[in-house]
Amino acid sequence: MEILSSLVFGAWCFAARRIPLNSMKGDPGRELVVFTEALNVPVQERAAFLDRVCVGDENLHRKVEALLRAHDRLGNFLEEPPTGGSVE
């Protein structure tokens, strides 16, 4: 529960701009916050965004890049109707 609270608090602080991303260093919710914010950045600008936000934290950079790759692979499959066989 404590980790979830930290994630929610970190996301809220970032969204509200009450705590800058750099001050969240070491916070377990930081990767979720950076990932969520990176989703709002155009794909072609994400690398520069991550370089800027994750400066000095290669582990965070790698984790967020992996999350973004997984997210991009999933695409919008929930928004598209199923294709192929019928469901009975």
N, C-alpha and C. Protein backbone atom coordinates (compact mmCIF):
# COMPACT_ATOMS: atom_id res chain seq x y z
N MET A 1 0.83 -1.19 0.00
CA MET A 1 0.00 0.00 0.00
C MET A 1 0.87 1.26 0.00
N GLU A 2 2.00 1.17 0.72
CA GLU A 2 2.88 2.33 0.79
C GLU A 2 3.45 2.70 -0.57
N ILE A 3 3.81 1.68 -1.38
CA ILE A 3 4.34 1.95 -2.72
C ILE A 3 3.28 2.59 -3.59
N LEU A 4 2.05 2.07 -3.52
CA LEU A 4 0.96 2.65 -4.30
C LEU A 4 0.72 4.10 -3.88
N SER A 5 0.74 4.35 -2.59
CA SER A 5 0.56 5.73 -2.11
C SER A 5 1.66 6.63 -2.65
N SER A 6 2.88 6.11 -2.66
CA SER A 6 4.00 6.89 -3.17
C SER A 6 3.83 7.17 -4.66
N LEU A 7 3.38 6.18 -5.42
CA LEU A 7 3.16 6.37 -6.85
C LEU A 7 2.09 7.42 -7.10
N VAL A 8 0.99 7.31 -6.39
CA VAL A 8 -0.10 8.26 -6.56
C VAL A 8 0.34 9.66 -6.16
N PHE A 9 1.03 9.77 -5.03
CA PHE A 9 1.50 11.07 -4.57
C PHE A 9 2.48 11.67 -5.56
N GLY A 10 3.41 10.84 -6.07
CA GLY A 10 4.39 11.34 -7.04
C GLY A 10 3.72 11.83 -8.30
N ALA A 11 2.74 11.08 -8.79
CA ALA A 11 2.01 11.50 -9.99
C ALA A 11 1.25 12.79 -9.73
N TRP A 12 0.63 12.89 -8.57
CA TRP A 12 -0.14 14.09 -8.25
C TRP A 12 0.79 15.31 -8.14
N CYS A 13 1.90 15.14 -7.47
CA CYS A 13 2.84 16.26 -7.31
C CYS A 13 3.36 16.73 -8.65
N PHE A 14 3.69 15.78 -9.51
CA PHE A 14 4.20 16.17 -10.82
C PHE A 14 3.12 16.85 -11.63
N ALA A 15 1.92 16.27 -11.64
CA ALA A 15 0.82 16.84 -12.42
C ALA A 15 0.48 18.23 -11.91
N ALA A 16 0.55 18.41 -10.62
CA ALA A 16 0.23 19.71 -10.03
C ALA A 16 1.43 20.66 -10.08
N ARG A 17 2.58 20.15 -10.52
CA ARG A 17 3.82 20.93 -10.60
C ARG A 17 4.23 21.49 -9.24
N ARG A 18 3.87 20.76 -8.19
CA ARG A 18 4.25 21.19 -6.85
C ARG A 18 5.69 20.76 -6.52
N ILE A 19 6.10 19.63 -7.08
CA ILE A 19 7.44 19.13 -6.84
C ILE A 19 8.08 18.85 -8.19
N PRO A 20 9.21 19.48 -8.51
CA PRO A 20 9.84 19.22 -9.81
C PRO A 20 10.34 17.78 -9.90
N LEU A 21 10.39 17.26 -11.14
CA LEU A 21 10.83 15.88 -11.36
C LEU A 21 12.18 15.61 -10.73
N ASN A 22 13.10 16.53 -10.82
CA ASN A 22 14.44 16.29 -10.30
C ASN A 22 14.44 16.06 -8.80
N SER A 23 13.49 16.62 -8.07
CA SER A 23 13.47 16.44 -6.62
C SER A 23 12.89 15.08 -6.24
N MET A 24 12.36 14.34 -7.22
CA MET A 24 11.79 13.03 -6.94
C MET A 24 12.84 11.92 -7.07
N LYS A 25 14.08 12.27 -7.28
CA LYS A 25 15.13 11.27 -7.47
C LYS A 25 15.12 10.29 -6.30
N GLY A 26 15.11 9.01 -6.62
CA GLY A 26 15.07 7.98 -5.60
C GLY A 26 13.67 7.58 -5.19
N ASP A 27 12.68 8.32 -5.62
CA ASP A 27 11.28 8.01 -5.31
C ASP A 27 10.84 6.85 -6.19
N PRO A 28 10.25 5.79 -5.61
CA PRO A 28 9.82 4.65 -6.43
C PRO A 28 8.74 5.01 -7.45
N GLY A 29 8.02 6.09 -7.24
CA GLY A 29 6.99 6.50 -8.18
C GLY A 29 7.51 7.33 -9.32
N ARG A 30 8.78 7.66 -9.27
CA ARG A 30 9.35 8.54 -10.30
C ARG A 30 9.27 7.94 -11.70
N GLU A 31 9.53 6.64 -11.84
CA GLU A 31 9.48 6.07 -13.19
C GLU A 31 8.08 6.12 -13.76
N LEU A 32 7.06 5.93 -12.92
CA LEU A 32 5.68 6.05 -13.40
C LEU A 32 5.37 7.48 -13.82
N VAL A 33 5.83 8.43 -13.04
CA VAL A 33 5.59 9.84 -13.35
C VAL A 33 6.29 10.22 -14.65
N VAL A 34 7.54 9.83 -14.81
CA VAL A 34 8.29 10.16 -16.03
C VAL A 34 7.67 9.47 -17.23
N PHE A 35 7.29 8.19 -17.08
CA PHE A 35 6.63 7.45 -18.16
C PHE A 35 5.34 8.14 -18.58
N THR A 36 4.52 8.49 -17.61
CA THR A 36 3.23 9.14 -17.90
C THR A 36 3.44 10.46 -18.62
N GLU A 37 4.40 11.23 -18.18
CA GLU A 37 4.68 12.51 -18.82
C GLU A 37 5.25 12.29 -20.23
N ALA A 38 6.09 11.27 -20.39
CA ALA A 38 6.68 10.99 -21.70
C ALA A 38 5.61 10.62 -22.72
N LEU A 39 4.53 10.03 -22.28
CA LEU A 39 3.44 9.69 -23.20
C LEU A 39 2.82 10.94 -23.83
N ASN A 40 2.95 12.07 -23.15
CA ASN A 40 2.41 13.33 -23.66
C ASN A 40 3.37 14.03 -24.62
N VAL A 41 4.58 13.50 -24.73
CA VAL A 41 5.60 14.09 -25.59
C VAL A 41 5.56 13.38 -26.95
N PRO A 42 5.61 14.13 -28.05
CA PRO A 42 5.62 13.48 -29.37
C PRO A 42 6.75 12.45 -29.45
N VAL A 43 6.48 11.32 -30.12
CA VAL A 43 7.43 10.21 -30.19
C VAL A 43 8.82 10.67 -30.61
N GLN A 44 8.89 11.54 -31.61
CA GLN A 44 10.19 11.98 -32.11
C GLN A 44 10.95 12.86 -31.12
N GLU A 45 10.30 13.34 -30.06
CA GLU A 45 10.95 14.19 -29.06
C GLU A 45 11.20 13.46 -27.74
N ARG A 46 10.79 12.20 -27.66
CA ARG A 46 10.89 11.48 -26.38
C ARG A 46 12.33 11.24 -25.94
N ALA A 47 13.21 10.92 -26.88
CA ALA A 47 14.60 10.65 -26.49
C ALA A 47 15.22 11.87 -25.82
N ALA A 48 15.01 13.03 -26.40
CA ALA A 48 15.54 14.27 -25.81
C ALA A 48 14.89 14.55 -24.46
N PHE A 49 13.59 14.29 -24.36
CA PHE A 49 12.87 14.48 -23.10
C PHE A 49 13.49 13.59 -22.02
N LEU A 50 13.68 12.30 -22.34
CA LEU A 50 14.25 11.38 -21.35
C LEU A 50 15.69 11.76 -20.99
N ASP A 51 16.46 12.19 -21.97
CA ASP A 51 17.83 12.63 -21.68
C ASP A 51 17.82 13.79 -20.69
N ARG A 52 16.89 14.70 -20.87
CA ARG A 52 16.81 15.88 -20.01
C ARG A 52 16.29 15.52 -18.61
N VAL A 53 15.25 14.72 -18.54
CA VAL A 53 14.61 14.41 -17.26
C VAL A 53 15.41 13.38 -16.45
N CYS A 54 16.05 12.45 -17.13
CA CYS A 54 16.75 11.37 -16.44
C CYS A 54 18.25 11.61 -16.31
N VAL A 55 18.69 12.82 -16.54
CA VAL A 55 20.12 13.10 -16.50
C VAL A 55 20.72 12.57 -15.20
N GLY A 56 21.79 11.77 -15.35
CA GLY A 56 22.46 11.22 -14.18
C GLY A 56 21.81 9.97 -13.60
N ASP A 57 20.72 9.50 -14.20
CA ASP A 57 20.03 8.32 -13.68
C ASP A 57 19.75 7.36 -14.83
N GLU A 58 20.79 6.63 -15.25
CA GLU A 58 20.67 5.72 -16.39
C GLU A 58 19.67 4.60 -16.13
N ASN A 59 19.56 4.16 -14.89
CA ASN A 59 18.61 3.11 -14.55
C ASN A 59 17.18 3.58 -14.83
N LEU A 60 16.86 4.78 -14.40
CA LEU A 60 15.54 5.35 -14.66
C LEU A 60 15.31 5.48 -16.16
N HIS A 61 16.30 5.97 -16.87
CA HIS A 61 16.22 6.15 -18.33
C HIS A 61 15.89 4.82 -19.01
N ARG A 62 16.60 3.75 -18.64
CA ARG A 62 16.37 2.43 -19.23
C ARG A 62 14.97 1.91 -18.89
N LYS A 63 14.55 2.06 -17.65
CA LYS A 63 13.24 1.56 -17.24
C LYS A 63 12.11 2.27 -18.00
N VAL A 64 12.22 3.58 -18.11
CA VAL A 64 11.18 4.34 -18.80
C VAL A 64 11.18 4.02 -20.29
N GLU A 65 12.36 3.88 -20.89
CA GLU A 65 12.43 3.49 -22.30
C GLU A 65 11.75 2.14 -22.52
N ALA A 66 11.97 1.18 -21.62
CA ALA A 66 11.35 -0.14 -21.74
C ALA A 66 9.83 -0.03 -21.62
N LEU A 67 9.36 0.78 -20.70
CA LEU A 67 7.92 0.98 -20.55
C LEU A 67 7.32 1.60 -21.82
N LEU A 68 8.02 2.57 -22.39
CA LEU A 68 7.54 3.22 -23.61
C LEU A 68 7.51 2.25 -24.79
N ARG A 69 8.55 1.40 -24.90
CA ARG A 69 8.56 0.41 -25.99
C ARG A 69 7.39 -0.56 -25.84
N ALA A 70 7.15 -1.02 -24.62
CA ALA A 70 6.03 -1.94 -24.38
C ALA A 70 4.71 -1.25 -24.69
N HIS A 71 4.57 -0.02 -24.29
CA HIS A 71 3.35 0.74 -24.56
C HIS A 71 3.13 0.91 -26.06
N ASP A 72 4.19 1.23 -26.77
CA ASP A 72 4.09 1.43 -28.22
C ASP A 72 3.76 0.12 -28.94
N ARG A 73 4.28 -1.01 -28.45
CA ARG A 73 3.97 -2.31 -29.05
C ARG A 73 2.50 -2.66 -28.89
N LEU A 74 1.92 -2.30 -27.75
CA LEU A 74 0.52 -2.61 -27.50
C LEU A 74 -0.41 -1.84 -28.42
N GLY A 75 0.00 -0.62 -28.77
CA GLY A 75 -0.84 0.19 -29.64
C GLY A 75 -2.18 0.50 -28.99
N ASN A 76 -3.21 0.53 -29.80
CA ASN A 76 -4.54 0.86 -29.28
C ASN A 76 -5.48 -0.33 -29.42
N PHE A 77 -4.99 -1.52 -29.08
CA PHE A 77 -5.78 -2.73 -29.29
C PHE A 77 -7.10 -2.72 -28.53
N LEU A 78 -7.20 -2.00 -27.44
CA LEU A 78 -8.46 -1.94 -26.70
C LEU A 78 -9.50 -1.06 -27.39
N GLU A 79 -9.05 -0.20 -28.27
CA GLU A 79 -9.95 0.73 -28.95
C GLU A 79 -10.47 0.16 -30.27
N GLU A 80 -9.92 -0.94 -30.72
CA GLU A 80 -10.31 -1.53 -32.00
C GLU A 80 -11.14 -2.78 -31.77
N PRO A 81 -12.19 -2.98 -32.59
CA PRO A 81 -12.97 -4.21 -32.44
C PRO A 81 -12.14 -5.41 -32.87
N PRO A 82 -12.44 -6.58 -32.30
CA PRO A 82 -11.69 -7.78 -32.68
C PRO A 82 -11.91 -8.14 -34.15
N THR A 83 -10.91 -8.73 -34.75
CA THR A 83 -11.02 -9.17 -36.13
C THR A 83 -10.93 -10.68 -36.18
N GLY A 84 -11.35 -11.26 -37.24
CA GLY A 84 -11.21 -12.70 -37.40
C GLY A 84 -12.49 -13.42 -37.03
N GLY A 85 -12.35 -14.51 -36.30
CA GLY A 85 -13.48 -15.38 -35.95
C GLY A 85 -14.52 -14.66 -35.10
N SER A 86 -15.71 -15.23 -35.13
CA SER A 86 -16.79 -14.64 -34.35
C SER A 86 -16.80 -15.22 -32.94
N VAL A 87 -17.33 -14.44 -32.03
CA VAL A 87 -17.46 -14.86 -30.64
C VAL A 87 -18.88 -15.35 -30.44
N GLU A 88 -19.02 -16.54 -29.92
CA GLU A 88 -20.37 -17.11 -29.74
C GLU A 88 -20.76 -17.13 -28.31
